[in-house]
Amino acid sequence: MTRTLEWQVRMYLSEEDGTTRARMVLDTGTAKLTGRGTARCNPQDVDVPEIGDELAASRAMSDLARQLMRVADQDLEAVGAGPGNTVSAPYGWPSA
């Protein structure tokens, strides 16, 4: 089977009073997931907004990745595969 899909990803960043917030939205066409991340500047540190953007964005991506893995795990278990089954590998189709 050959498939080609395009998933849309949008990253929203906002900064206020030394705190940067990131919100990343993944739209698969059938579902939407939202990851969130925050970065705070230590009052003793130099305020470099780009660093806050990078940290908050990476944390939002990590949050989104965990959510997507959770959905994949649930889908695997729904078809009889995944970590909840007694197969020798962590993932795979069950033995017949």
Protein backbone atom coordinates (compact mmCIF):
# COMPACT_ATOMS: atom_id res chain seq x y z
CA MET A 1 0.00 0.00 0.00
CA THR A 2 1.30 3.43 -0.96
CA ARG A 3 0.03 6.54 0.79
CA THR A 4 0.97 10.17 0.89
CA LEU A 5 -0.32 12.39 3.66
CA GLU A 6 0.30 15.94 4.74
CA TRP A 7 -0.08 16.85 8.39
CA GLN A 8 -0.21 20.52 9.29
CA VAL A 9 1.81 21.77 12.26
CA ARG A 10 1.58 25.27 13.70
CA MET A 11 3.72 26.72 16.47
CA TYR A 12 2.50 29.72 18.47
CA LEU A 13 4.91 31.57 20.77
CA SER A 14 4.23 34.37 23.24
CA GLU A 15 6.51 36.06 25.75
CA GLU A 16 5.56 38.16 28.74
CA ASP A 17 7.58 39.19 31.79
CA GLY A 18 10.39 36.71 31.19
CA THR A 19 8.09 33.75 30.54
CA THR A 20 7.77 32.26 27.07
CA ARG A 21 4.85 29.99 26.25
CA ALA A 22 4.62 27.75 23.20
CA ARG A 23 1.60 25.98 21.80
CA MET A 24 2.07 23.51 18.96
CA VAL A 25 -0.97 22.20 17.11
CA LEU A 26 -0.81 19.08 14.93
CA ASP A 27 -3.72 18.65 12.52
CA THR A 28 -3.75 15.22 10.86
CA GLY A 29 -6.96 15.91 8.98
CA THR A 30 -8.83 13.50 11.25
CA ALA A 31 -7.55 14.62 14.65
CA LYS A 32 -5.90 17.57 16.35
CA LEU A 33 -3.35 17.34 19.14
CA THR A 34 -1.93 20.30 21.07
CA GLY A 35 1.45 20.32 22.80
CA ARG A 36 2.44 23.00 25.30
CA GLY A 37 5.75 24.20 26.67
CA THR A 38 7.00 26.99 28.93
CA ALA A 39 10.37 28.59 29.57
CA ARG A 40 11.18 31.10 32.29
CA CYS A 41 14.16 33.42 32.37
CA ASN A 42 16.06 33.47 35.65
CA PRO A 43 16.07 37.08 36.94
CA GLN A 44 19.89 36.94 37.23
CA ASP A 45 20.30 35.84 33.59
CA VAL A 46 20.48 38.05 30.53
CA ASP A 47 17.10 38.07 28.79
CA VAL A 48 17.62 36.47 25.37
CA PRO A 49 14.14 35.95 23.87
CA GLU A 50 15.41 33.49 21.24
CA ILE A 51 16.56 31.09 23.96
CA GLY A 52 13.15 31.21 25.62
CA ASP A 53 11.53 30.55 22.22
CA GLU A 54 13.78 27.55 21.62
CA LEU A 55 13.23 26.06 25.06
CA ALA A 56 9.46 26.57 25.09
CA ALA A 57 9.12 25.29 21.50
CA SER A 58 11.20 22.17 22.21
CA ARG A 59 9.11 21.44 25.29
CA ALA A 60 5.89 21.84 23.29
CA MET A 61 7.28 19.45 20.64
CA SER A 62 8.20 16.94 23.33
CA ASP A 63 4.72 17.18 24.86
CA LEU A 64 3.15 16.67 21.44
CA ALA A 65 5.43 13.70 20.70
CA ARG A 66 4.36 12.01 23.97
CA GLN A 67 0.70 12.52 23.11
CA LEU A 68 1.17 11.15 19.59
CA MET A 69 2.99 8.09 20.97
CA ARG A 70 0.11 7.53 23.43
CA VAL A 71 -2.40 7.62 20.55
CA ALA A 72 -0.24 5.22 18.53
CA ASP A 73 0.01 2.85 21.51
CA GLN A 74 -3.78 2.87 21.89
CA ASP A 75 -4.24 2.22 18.16
CA LEU A 76 -1.73 -0.65 18.28
CA GLU A 77 -3.52 -2.24 21.22
CA ALA A 78 -6.86 -1.84 19.42
CA VAL A 79 -5.58 -4.03 16.56
CA GLY A 80 -3.99 -6.60 18.86
CA ALA A 81 -0.42 -5.31 18.88
CA GLY A 82 1.61 -3.14 21.21
CA PRO A 83 3.19 -3.28 24.63
CA GLY A 84 0.08 -4.71 26.33
CA ASN A 85 0.41 -8.03 24.44
CA THR A 86 2.68 -11.01 25.01
CA VAL A 87 4.75 -10.81 21.85
CA SER A 88 8.52 -11.12 22.03
CA ALA A 89 9.19 -7.63 20.66
CA PRO A 90 7.83 -4.46 22.28
CA TYR A 91 5.70 -3.81 19.19
CA GLY A 92 4.40 -6.03 16.41
CA TRP A 93 1.56 -8.18 15.27
CA PRO A 94 0.57 -11.00 17.60
CA SER A 95 1.50 -14.56 16.73
CA ALA A 96 -1.20 -16.60 15.04
